[in-house]
């Protein structure tokens, strides 16, 4: 075995390093982090991705019939789906790190489990 013992890495790191590692792990699994995140990484339907920083987010609105709308200085993003209130709250508290729309099959199964289901993410540049 090379290097230091496995558990030593946890005893030798500062609480800030530990929290950063834990936040990254949480965000990787669910898209929601424990600490503040710098930007939301959006996976769009065409396969592209865009990261929009919270620093330029002007307003977030939630309407159960229309979804979540994010108004940035450069873009307007509309998130549609079912039970989106938890996503709205994660955005309002700067905790949402990543978001991807579910495919049709995923959406069918996700509707049954009671969690949020994102059916579409639409991005419209402000200059349009």
N, C-alpha and C. Protein backbone atom coordinates (compact mmCIF):
# COMPACT_ATOMS: atom_id res chain seq x y z
N UNK A 1 0.83 -1.17 0.00
CA UNK A 1 0.00 0.00 0.00
C UNK A 1 0.88 1.25 0.00
N UNK A 2 0.60 2.19 -0.85
CA UNK A 2 1.43 3.39 -0.90
C UNK A 2 0.68 4.57 -0.33
N UNK A 3 1.42 5.60 0.07
CA UNK A 3 0.80 6.82 0.57
C UNK A 3 0.34 6.67 2.00
N UNK A 4 -0.43 7.64 2.45
CA UNK A 4 -0.90 7.60 3.82
C UNK A 4 -2.15 6.74 3.93
N UNK A 5 -2.41 6.23 5.12
CA UNK A 5 -3.60 5.40 5.30
C UNK A 5 -4.87 6.14 4.90
N UNK A 6 -5.86 5.39 4.47
CA UNK A 6 -7.10 5.94 3.95
C UNK A 6 -7.76 6.95 4.89
N UNK A 7 -7.93 6.62 6.15
CA UNK A 7 -8.63 7.51 7.08
C UNK A 7 -7.83 8.77 7.41
N UNK A 8 -6.51 8.74 7.25
CA UNK A 8 -5.71 9.92 7.56
C UNK A 8 -6.09 11.12 6.71
N UNK A 9 -6.56 10.88 5.49
CA UNK A 9 -6.96 12.01 4.66
C UNK A 9 -8.10 12.80 5.29
N UNK A 10 -8.96 12.14 6.05
CA UNK A 10 -10.08 12.81 6.70
C UNK A 10 -9.65 13.52 7.98
N UNK A 11 -8.64 12.99 8.67
CA UNK A 11 -8.16 13.61 9.90
C UNK A 11 -7.23 14.77 9.61
N UNK A 12 -6.58 14.76 8.47
CA UNK A 12 -5.60 15.79 8.14
C UNK A 12 -6.18 16.96 7.34
N UNK A 13 -7.43 16.88 6.92
CA UNK A 13 -8.00 17.98 6.16
C UNK A 13 -8.77 18.90 7.09
N UNK A 14 -8.83 20.17 6.70
CA UNK A 14 -9.55 21.15 7.51
C UNK A 14 -11.05 20.97 7.33
N UNK A 15 -11.86 21.49 8.26
CA UNK A 15 -13.32 21.40 8.09
C UNK A 15 -13.79 22.05 6.79
N UNK A 16 -13.14 23.13 6.36
CA UNK A 16 -13.51 23.79 5.11
C UNK A 16 -13.25 22.88 3.91
N UNK A 17 -12.10 22.19 3.91
CA UNK A 17 -11.80 21.24 2.84
C UNK A 17 -12.79 20.09 2.84
N UNK A 18 -13.14 19.59 4.02
CA UNK A 18 -14.09 18.49 4.15
C UNK A 18 -15.46 18.90 3.62
N UNK A 19 -15.90 20.11 4.01
CA UNK A 19 -17.21 20.58 3.56
C UNK A 19 -17.22 20.76 2.04
N UNK A 20 -16.14 21.29 1.49
CA UNK A 20 -16.06 21.47 0.05
C UNK A 20 -16.17 20.13 -0.67
N UNK A 21 -15.45 19.12 -0.15
CA UNK A 21 -15.50 17.78 -0.75
C UNK A 21 -16.91 17.20 -0.61
N UNK A 22 -17.53 17.35 0.56
CA UNK A 22 -18.87 16.83 0.78
C UNK A 22 -19.90 17.53 -0.10
N UNK A 23 -19.76 18.87 -0.24
CA UNK A 23 -20.69 19.63 -1.09
C UNK A 23 -20.59 19.17 -2.53
N UNK A 24 -19.38 18.95 -3.01
CA UNK A 24 -19.19 18.50 -4.39
C UNK A 24 -19.81 17.13 -4.58
N UNK A 25 -19.68 16.26 -3.60
CA UNK A 25 -20.25 14.92 -3.69
C UNK A 25 -21.78 14.98 -3.71
N UNK A 26 -22.35 15.80 -2.85
CA UNK A 26 -23.80 15.96 -2.80
C UNK A 26 -24.32 16.52 -4.11
N UNK A 27 -23.66 17.55 -4.61
CA UNK A 27 -24.09 18.17 -5.86
C UNK A 27 -24.01 17.18 -7.02
N UNK A 28 -22.98 16.34 -7.00
CA UNK A 28 -22.80 15.37 -8.08
C UNK A 28 -23.96 14.38 -8.11
N UNK A 29 -24.44 13.98 -6.93
CA UNK A 29 -25.52 12.99 -6.87
C UNK A 29 -26.88 13.59 -7.19
N UNK A 30 -27.20 14.78 -6.66
CA UNK A 30 -28.56 15.28 -6.77
C UNK A 30 -28.70 16.58 -7.51
N UNK A 31 -27.60 17.28 -7.76
CA UNK A 31 -27.69 18.59 -8.38
C UNK A 31 -27.87 19.69 -7.36
N UNK A 32 -28.12 19.33 -6.09
CA UNK A 32 -28.33 20.31 -5.03
C UNK A 32 -27.17 20.20 -4.05
N UNK A 33 -26.53 21.33 -3.77
CA UNK A 33 -25.38 21.35 -2.86
C UNK A 33 -25.79 21.91 -1.50
N UNK A 34 -25.02 21.58 -0.48
CA UNK A 34 -25.25 22.11 0.86
C UNK A 34 -24.85 23.57 0.96
N UNK A 35 -23.78 23.96 0.31
CA UNK A 35 -23.29 25.33 0.37
C UNK A 35 -23.67 26.09 -0.89
N UNK A 36 -23.35 27.38 -0.86
CA UNK A 36 -23.62 28.20 -2.03
C UNK A 36 -22.80 27.70 -3.21
N UNK A 37 -23.39 27.77 -4.39
CA UNK A 37 -22.69 27.40 -5.61
C UNK A 37 -22.60 28.63 -6.51
N UNK A 38 -21.64 28.65 -7.40
CA UNK A 38 -21.40 29.82 -8.24
C UNK A 38 -22.36 29.93 -9.42
N UNK A 39 -22.78 28.79 -9.97
CA UNK A 39 -23.57 28.82 -11.20
C UNK A 39 -24.46 27.57 -11.28
N UNK A 40 -25.47 27.66 -12.13
CA UNK A 40 -26.33 26.51 -12.43
C UNK A 40 -25.88 25.96 -13.78
N UNK A 41 -25.53 24.69 -13.81
CA UNK A 41 -25.13 24.02 -15.04
C UNK A 41 -26.39 23.40 -15.63
N UNK A 42 -26.86 23.96 -16.74
CA UNK A 42 -28.10 23.50 -17.38
C UNK A 42 -27.77 22.59 -18.56
N UNK A 43 -28.39 21.42 -18.58
CA UNK A 43 -28.26 20.48 -19.70
C UNK A 43 -29.48 20.72 -20.59
N UNK A 44 -29.27 21.26 -21.76
CA UNK A 44 -30.37 21.62 -22.66
C UNK A 44 -30.74 20.45 -23.57
N UNK A 45 -31.94 20.53 -24.14
CA UNK A 45 -32.50 19.44 -24.95
C UNK A 45 -31.63 19.11 -26.17
N UNK A 46 -30.95 20.11 -26.73
CA UNK A 46 -30.14 19.85 -27.92
C UNK A 46 -28.79 19.21 -27.60
N UNK A 47 -28.57 18.89 -26.33
CA UNK A 47 -27.33 18.25 -25.92
C UNK A 47 -26.27 19.22 -25.44
N UNK A 48 -26.50 20.50 -25.65
CA UNK A 48 -25.54 21.50 -25.18
C UNK A 48 -25.74 21.77 -23.69
N UNK A 49 -24.75 22.40 -23.11
CA UNK A 49 -24.82 22.77 -21.70
C UNK A 49 -24.42 24.23 -21.58
N UNK A 50 -25.03 24.89 -20.60
CA UNK A 50 -24.66 26.27 -20.32
C UNK A 50 -24.67 26.45 -18.81
N UNK A 51 -23.65 27.11 -18.30
CA UNK A 51 -23.59 27.43 -16.88
C UNK A 51 -23.87 28.92 -16.73
N UNK A 52 -24.94 29.23 -16.03
CA UNK A 52 -25.31 30.62 -15.81
C UNK A 52 -25.05 30.98 -14.34
N UNK A 53 -24.28 32.03 -14.09
CA UNK A 53 -23.90 32.37 -12.72
C UNK A 53 -25.05 32.98 -11.92
N UNK A 54 -25.08 32.62 -10.65
CA UNK A 54 -26.07 33.21 -9.75
C UNK A 54 -25.87 34.72 -9.64
N UNK A 55 -24.65 35.20 -9.83
CA UNK A 55 -24.36 36.63 -9.69
C UNK A 55 -25.16 37.49 -10.68
N UNK A 56 -25.53 36.92 -11.82
CA UNK A 56 -26.29 37.69 -12.81
C UNK A 56 -27.78 37.34 -12.81
N UNK A 57 -28.21 36.51 -11.86
CA UNK A 57 -29.63 36.17 -11.76
C UNK A 57 -30.38 37.34 -11.15
N UNK A 58 -31.32 37.90 -11.90
CA UNK A 58 -32.07 39.07 -11.46
C UNK A 58 -33.33 38.71 -10.69
N UNK A 59 -34.03 37.66 -11.15
CA UNK A 59 -35.30 37.29 -10.52
C UNK A 59 -35.61 35.83 -10.81
N UNK A 60 -36.22 35.17 -9.83
CA UNK A 60 -36.70 33.80 -9.99
C UNK A 60 -38.17 33.78 -9.60
N UNK A 61 -39.01 33.22 -10.45
CA UNK A 61 -40.43 33.13 -10.12
C UNK A 61 -40.89 31.68 -10.27
N UNK A 62 -41.91 31.35 -9.47
CA UNK A 62 -42.49 30.01 -9.52
C UNK A 62 -43.99 30.12 -9.65
N UNK A 63 -44.53 29.42 -10.62
CA UNK A 63 -45.97 29.31 -10.81
C UNK A 63 -46.22 27.84 -11.11
N UNK A 64 -47.02 27.18 -10.29
CA UNK A 64 -47.21 25.74 -10.45
C UNK A 64 -47.74 25.35 -11.82
N UNK A 65 -48.43 26.25 -12.50
CA UNK A 65 -48.95 25.92 -13.83
C UNK A 65 -47.98 26.27 -14.96
N UNK A 66 -47.02 27.17 -14.70
CA UNK A 66 -46.08 27.59 -15.75
C UNK A 66 -44.65 27.12 -15.50
N UNK A 67 -44.32 26.77 -14.28
CA UNK A 67 -42.98 26.31 -13.97
C UNK A 67 -42.16 27.38 -13.27
N UNK A 68 -40.84 27.26 -13.40
CA UNK A 68 -39.89 28.18 -12.78
C UNK A 68 -39.27 29.02 -13.88
N UNK A 69 -39.22 30.32 -13.67
CA UNK A 69 -38.60 31.22 -14.64
C UNK A 69 -37.42 31.91 -13.98
N UNK A 70 -36.28 31.85 -14.65
CA UNK A 70 -35.07 32.51 -14.18
C UNK A 70 -34.76 33.65 -15.14
N UNK A 71 -34.72 34.85 -14.62
CA UNK A 71 -34.42 36.01 -15.45
C UNK A 71 -33.01 36.48 -15.13
N UNK A 72 -32.14 36.33 -16.12
CA UNK A 72 -30.75 36.78 -16.02
C UNK A 72 -30.61 38.05 -16.84
N UNK A 73 -29.49 38.72 -16.67
CA UNK A 73 -29.23 39.91 -17.47
C UNK A 73 -29.02 39.52 -18.94
N UNK A 74 -28.61 38.28 -19.20
CA UNK A 74 -28.31 37.84 -20.56
C UNK A 74 -29.31 36.87 -21.15
N UNK A 75 -30.09 36.19 -20.32
CA UNK A 75 -30.97 35.12 -20.78
C UNK A 75 -32.21 35.03 -19.89
N UNK A 76 -33.24 34.40 -20.43
CA UNK A 76 -34.39 33.98 -19.63
C UNK A 76 -34.49 32.47 -19.79
N UNK A 77 -34.56 31.77 -18.66
CA UNK A 77 -34.63 30.32 -18.67
C UNK A 77 -35.97 29.91 -18.06
N UNK A 78 -36.68 29.02 -18.76
CA UNK A 78 -37.95 28.50 -18.26
C UNK A 78 -37.80 27.01 -18.02
N UNK A 79 -38.16 26.59 -16.81
CA UNK A 79 -38.09 25.18 -16.42
C UNK A 79 -39.52 24.71 -16.23
N UNK A 80 -39.93 23.69 -16.98
CA UNK A 80 -41.28 23.18 -16.84
C UNK A 80 -41.24 21.74 -16.36
N UNK A 81 -42.34 21.32 -15.75
CA UNK A 81 -42.43 19.96 -15.25
C UNK A 81 -43.46 19.85 -14.14
N UNK A 82 -43.23 18.93 -13.23
CA UNK A 82 -44.16 18.64 -12.15
C UNK A 82 -43.46 18.79 -10.80
N UNK A 83 -44.18 19.26 -9.82
CA UNK A 83 -43.67 19.39 -8.44
C UNK A 83 -42.32 20.10 -8.42
N UNK A 84 -42.27 21.29 -8.98
CA UNK A 84 -41.02 22.03 -9.13
C UNK A 84 -40.70 22.96 -7.95
N UNK A 85 -41.53 22.97 -6.92
CA UNK A 85 -41.30 23.89 -5.81
C UNK A 85 -39.94 23.68 -5.14
N UNK A 86 -39.51 22.44 -4.99
CA UNK A 86 -38.21 22.19 -4.35
C UNK A 86 -37.06 22.71 -5.22
N UNK A 87 -37.23 22.68 -6.53
CA UNK A 87 -36.21 23.24 -7.42
C UNK A 87 -36.19 24.75 -7.29
N UNK A 88 -37.37 25.36 -7.22
CA UNK A 88 -37.45 26.81 -7.01
C UNK A 88 -36.74 27.20 -5.71
N UNK A 89 -37.01 26.46 -4.63
CA UNK A 89 -36.39 26.78 -3.34
C UNK A 89 -34.86 26.61 -3.40
N UNK A 90 -34.39 25.57 -4.08
CA UNK A 90 -32.94 25.35 -4.21
C UNK A 90 -32.29 26.51 -4.97
N UNK A 91 -32.97 27.01 -5.99
CA UNK A 91 -32.44 28.15 -6.75
C UNK A 91 -32.48 29.41 -5.88
N UNK A 92 -33.58 29.62 -5.18
CA UNK A 92 -33.71 30.81 -4.35
C UNK A 92 -32.64 30.88 -3.26
N UNK A 93 -32.17 29.72 -2.82
CA UNK A 93 -31.13 29.67 -1.79
C UNK A 93 -29.74 29.41 -2.36
N UNK A 94 -29.60 29.55 -3.67
CA UNK A 94 -28.32 29.35 -4.38
C UNK A 94 -27.71 27.99 -4.09
N UNK A 95 -28.54 26.95 -4.13
CA UNK A 95 -28.07 25.59 -3.84
C UNK A 95 -28.09 24.66 -5.06
N UNK A 96 -28.83 25.04 -6.10
CA UNK A 96 -28.92 24.17 -7.27
C UNK A 96 -27.66 24.32 -8.12
N UNK A 97 -26.93 23.24 -8.29
CA UNK A 97 -25.68 23.27 -9.05
C UNK A 97 -25.86 22.78 -10.48
N UNK A 98 -26.80 21.85 -10.71
CA UNK A 98 -26.93 21.22 -12.01
C UNK A 98 -28.38 20.81 -12.23
N UNK A 99 -28.85 20.95 -13.46
CA UNK A 99 -30.22 20.58 -13.77
C UNK A 99 -30.30 20.01 -15.17
N UNK A 100 -31.03 18.90 -15.29
CA UNK A 100 -31.21 18.23 -16.58
C UNK A 100 -32.67 17.80 -16.70
N UNK A 101 -33.25 17.98 -17.87
CA UNK A 101 -34.61 17.53 -18.10
C UNK A 101 -34.64 16.02 -18.23
N UNK A 102 -35.69 15.42 -17.70
CA UNK A 102 -35.86 13.97 -17.79
C UNK A 102 -36.34 13.60 -19.18
N UNK A 103 -35.92 12.45 -19.65
CA UNK A 103 -36.46 11.92 -20.90
C UNK A 103 -37.88 11.42 -20.64
N UNK A 104 -38.59 11.03 -21.66
CA UNK A 104 -39.98 10.59 -21.49
C UNK A 104 -40.10 9.41 -20.53
N UNK A 105 -39.22 8.42 -20.66
CA UNK A 105 -39.28 7.24 -19.80
C UNK A 105 -38.97 7.62 -18.36
N UNK A 106 -37.91 8.42 -18.17
CA UNK A 106 -37.55 8.88 -16.82
C UNK A 106 -38.69 9.66 -16.19
N UNK A 107 -39.33 10.52 -16.97
CA UNK A 107 -40.43 11.33 -16.45
C UNK A 107 -41.60 10.46 -15.98
N UNK A 108 -41.90 9.40 -16.74
CA UNK A 108 -43.00 8.52 -16.34
C UNK A 108 -42.73 7.88 -14.99
N UNK A 109 -41.50 7.38 -14.78
CA UNK A 109 -41.15 6.74 -13.51
C UNK A 109 -41.02 7.77 -12.39
N UNK A 110 -40.48 8.95 -12.70
CA UNK A 110 -40.28 9.97 -11.69
C UNK A 110 -41.61 10.53 -11.17
N UNK A 111 -42.63 10.56 -12.02
CA UNK A 111 -43.94 11.05 -11.58
C UNK A 111 -44.46 10.21 -10.42
N UNK A 112 -44.12 8.94 -10.42
CA UNK A 112 -44.63 8.03 -9.40
C UNK A 112 -43.89 8.16 -8.07
N UNK A 113 -42.63 8.63 -8.07
CA UNK A 113 -41.86 8.64 -6.83
C UNK A 113 -42.08 9.88 -5.97
N UNK A 114 -42.79 10.87 -6.46
CA UNK A 114 -43.14 12.03 -5.65
C UNK A 114 -42.16 13.18 -5.68
N UNK A 115 -41.01 13.03 -6.31
CA UNK A 115 -40.04 14.11 -6.39
C UNK A 115 -40.31 15.00 -7.58
N UNK A 116 -39.51 16.07 -7.73
CA UNK A 116 -39.71 16.96 -8.89
C UNK A 116 -39.36 16.27 -10.20
N UNK A 117 -40.07 16.64 -11.24
CA UNK A 117 -39.80 16.10 -12.58
C UNK A 117 -39.66 17.29 -13.53
N UNK A 118 -38.48 17.46 -14.11
CA UNK A 118 -38.24 18.52 -15.08
C UNK A 118 -38.46 17.92 -16.47
N UNK A 119 -39.45 18.44 -17.18
CA UNK A 119 -39.75 17.93 -18.52
C UNK A 119 -39.06 18.74 -19.62
N UNK A 120 -38.75 20.01 -19.35
CA UNK A 120 -38.09 20.83 -20.36
C UNK A 120 -37.36 21.99 -19.70
N UNK A 121 -36.25 22.37 -20.32
CA UNK A 121 -35.49 23.56 -19.93
C UNK A 121 -35.32 24.37 -21.21
N UNK A 122 -35.87 25.57 -21.23
CA UNK A 122 -35.77 26.42 -22.41
C UNK A 122 -34.98 27.68 -22.07
N UNK A 123 -34.03 27.99 -22.93
CA UNK A 123 -33.20 29.18 -22.74
C UNK A 123 -33.44 30.13 -23.89
N UNK A 124 -33.72 31.38 -23.56
CA UNK A 124 -33.94 32.41 -24.59
C UNK A 124 -33.00 33.58 -24.29
N UNK A 125 -32.07 33.87 -25.19
CA UNK A 125 -31.18 35.03 -24.99
C UNK A 125 -31.98 36.32 -24.86
N UNK A 126 -31.52 37.24 -24.05
CA UNK A 126 -32.23 38.49 -23.78
C UNK A 126 -32.39 39.35 -25.01
N UNK A 127 -31.49 39.24 -25.99
CA UNK A 127 -31.56 40.08 -27.19
C UNK A 127 -32.55 39.60 -28.23
N UNK A 128 -33.27 38.51 -27.96
CA UNK A 128 -34.28 38.02 -28.94
C UNK A 128 -35.62 38.63 -28.68
